[in-house]
Amino acid sequence: MGRGDKKTKKGKIAKGSFGKSRPHKKQVETHPAQEENKKTAKKK
């Protein structure tokens, strides 16, 4: 198991693919104050 193994994290990095052992980065959550501003802007 190493760079040639598609099922390992190291292999997925070498191949440039994603999956269970190498998931995509999660999206950054917005600040709670920004979400409140969006909600109030829609009501006006």
N, C-alpha and C. Protein backbone atom coordinates (compact mmCIF):
# COMPACT_ATOMS: atom_id res chain seq x y z
N MET A 1 0.85 -1.19 0.00
CA MET A 1 0.00 0.00 0.00
C MET A 1 0.89 1.24 0.00
N GLY A 2 0.70 2.05 -0.99
CA GLY A 2 1.50 3.25 -1.10
C GLY A 2 0.93 4.18 -2.15
N ARG A 3 1.80 4.81 -2.89
CA ARG A 3 1.34 5.78 -3.88
C ARG A 3 0.57 5.14 -5.03
N GLY A 4 0.81 3.89 -5.30
CA GLY A 4 0.11 3.24 -6.41
C GLY A 4 -1.25 2.69 -6.02
N ASP A 5 -1.55 2.65 -4.72
CA ASP A 5 -2.82 2.08 -4.24
C ASP A 5 -3.90 3.15 -4.25
N LYS A 6 -4.91 2.99 -5.11
CA LYS A 6 -5.96 3.99 -5.27
C LYS A 6 -6.85 4.14 -4.04
N LYS A 7 -6.84 3.14 -3.15
CA LYS A 7 -7.74 3.18 -2.00
C LYS A 7 -7.17 3.89 -0.78
N THR A 8 -5.88 4.26 -0.83
CA THR A 8 -5.26 4.93 0.31
C THR A 8 -5.18 6.43 0.06
N LYS A 9 -5.01 7.18 1.14
CA LYS A 9 -4.91 8.64 1.03
C LYS A 9 -3.71 9.04 0.18
N LYS A 10 -2.60 8.36 0.40
CA LYS A 10 -1.37 8.67 -0.35
C LYS A 10 -1.56 8.39 -1.84
N GLY A 11 -2.25 7.32 -2.16
CA GLY A 11 -2.52 6.99 -3.56
C GLY A 11 -3.46 7.98 -4.22
N LYS A 12 -4.45 8.45 -3.44
CA LYS A 12 -5.40 9.42 -3.98
C LYS A 12 -4.73 10.77 -4.22
N ILE A 13 -3.79 11.15 -3.34
CA ILE A 13 -3.04 12.39 -3.54
C ILE A 13 -2.21 12.28 -4.82
N ALA A 14 -1.55 11.14 -5.01
CA ALA A 14 -0.72 10.93 -6.20
C ALA A 14 -1.56 10.96 -7.48
N LYS A 15 -2.75 10.36 -7.42
CA LYS A 15 -3.62 10.29 -8.58
C LYS A 15 -4.41 11.58 -8.79
N GLY A 16 -4.63 12.33 -7.68
CA GLY A 16 -5.39 13.57 -7.77
C GLY A 16 -6.88 13.35 -7.69
N SER A 17 -7.29 12.27 -7.01
CA SER A 17 -8.71 11.98 -6.89
C SER A 17 -9.16 12.13 -5.44
N PHE A 18 -10.48 12.09 -5.23
CA PHE A 18 -11.05 12.23 -3.91
C PHE A 18 -11.99 11.06 -3.65
N GLY A 19 -12.26 10.81 -2.38
CA GLY A 19 -13.15 9.72 -2.00
C GLY A 19 -13.27 9.63 -0.49
N LYS A 20 -13.59 8.43 0.00
CA LYS A 20 -13.80 8.22 1.43
C LYS A 20 -12.53 8.47 2.23
N SER A 21 -11.41 8.02 1.73
CA SER A 21 -10.16 8.19 2.47
C SER A 21 -9.51 9.56 2.25
N ARG A 22 -9.99 10.30 1.25
CA ARG A 22 -9.48 11.66 1.00
C ARG A 22 -10.64 12.56 0.56
N PRO A 23 -11.44 13.03 1.51
CA PRO A 23 -12.59 13.87 1.15
C PRO A 23 -12.17 15.28 0.77
N HIS A 24 -13.06 15.98 0.07
CA HIS A 24 -12.83 17.38 -0.28
C HIS A 24 -12.87 18.22 0.99
N LYS A 25 -12.27 19.40 0.94
CA LYS A 25 -12.32 20.31 2.09
C LYS A 25 -13.75 20.78 2.29
N LYS A 26 -14.15 20.92 3.54
CA LYS A 26 -15.48 21.42 3.85
C LYS A 26 -15.52 22.92 3.61
N GLN A 27 -16.70 23.44 3.25
CA GLN A 27 -16.85 24.87 3.01
C GLN A 27 -16.76 25.60 4.34
N VAL A 28 -16.17 26.77 4.33
CA VAL A 28 -16.02 27.58 5.53
C VAL A 28 -17.38 28.16 5.90
N GLU A 29 -17.75 28.00 7.18
CA GLU A 29 -19.03 28.52 7.63
C GLU A 29 -18.97 30.03 7.75
N THR A 30 -20.09 30.69 7.45
CA THR A 30 -20.14 32.14 7.54
C THR A 30 -20.33 32.55 8.99
N HIS A 31 -19.98 33.76 9.28
CA HIS A 31 -20.12 34.29 10.63
C HIS A 31 -21.61 34.48 10.93
N PRO A 32 -22.07 34.18 12.15
CA PRO A 32 -23.51 34.31 12.48
C PRO A 32 -24.07 35.71 12.25
N ALA A 33 -23.27 36.75 12.45
CA ALA A 33 -23.74 38.12 12.23
C ALA A 33 -24.03 38.37 10.76
N GLN A 34 -23.25 37.78 9.88
CA GLN A 34 -23.48 37.94 8.45
C GLN A 34 -24.81 37.31 8.03
N GLU A 35 -25.14 36.16 8.63
CA GLU A 35 -26.39 35.49 8.30
C GLU A 35 -27.58 36.32 8.76
N GLU A 36 -27.47 36.97 9.92
CA GLU A 36 -28.55 37.82 10.42
C GLU A 36 -28.76 39.00 9.49
N ASN A 37 -27.69 39.56 8.96
CA ASN A 37 -27.80 40.69 8.03
C ASN A 37 -28.53 40.27 6.76
N LYS A 38 -28.29 39.08 6.30
CA LYS A 38 -28.96 38.58 5.09
C LYS A 38 -30.45 38.42 5.34
N LYS A 39 -30.80 37.91 6.52
CA LYS A 39 -32.21 37.70 6.86
C LYS A 39 -32.96 39.01 6.97
N THR A 40 -32.35 40.01 7.60
CA THR A 40 -33.03 41.30 7.75
C THR A 40 -33.11 42.04 6.43
N ALA A 41 -32.17 41.85 5.54
CA ALA A 41 -32.18 42.53 4.25
C ALA A 41 -33.35 42.03 3.40
N LYS A 42 -33.70 40.77 3.52
CA LYS A 42 -34.79 40.21 2.74
C LYS A 42 -36.14 40.72 3.23
N LYS A 43 -36.27 41.01 4.53
CA LYS A 43 -37.54 41.44 5.10
C LYS A 43 -37.88 42.88 4.73
N LYS A 44 -36.90 43.70 4.45
CA LYS A 44 -37.15 45.13 4.18
C LYS A 44 -37.83 45.35 2.87
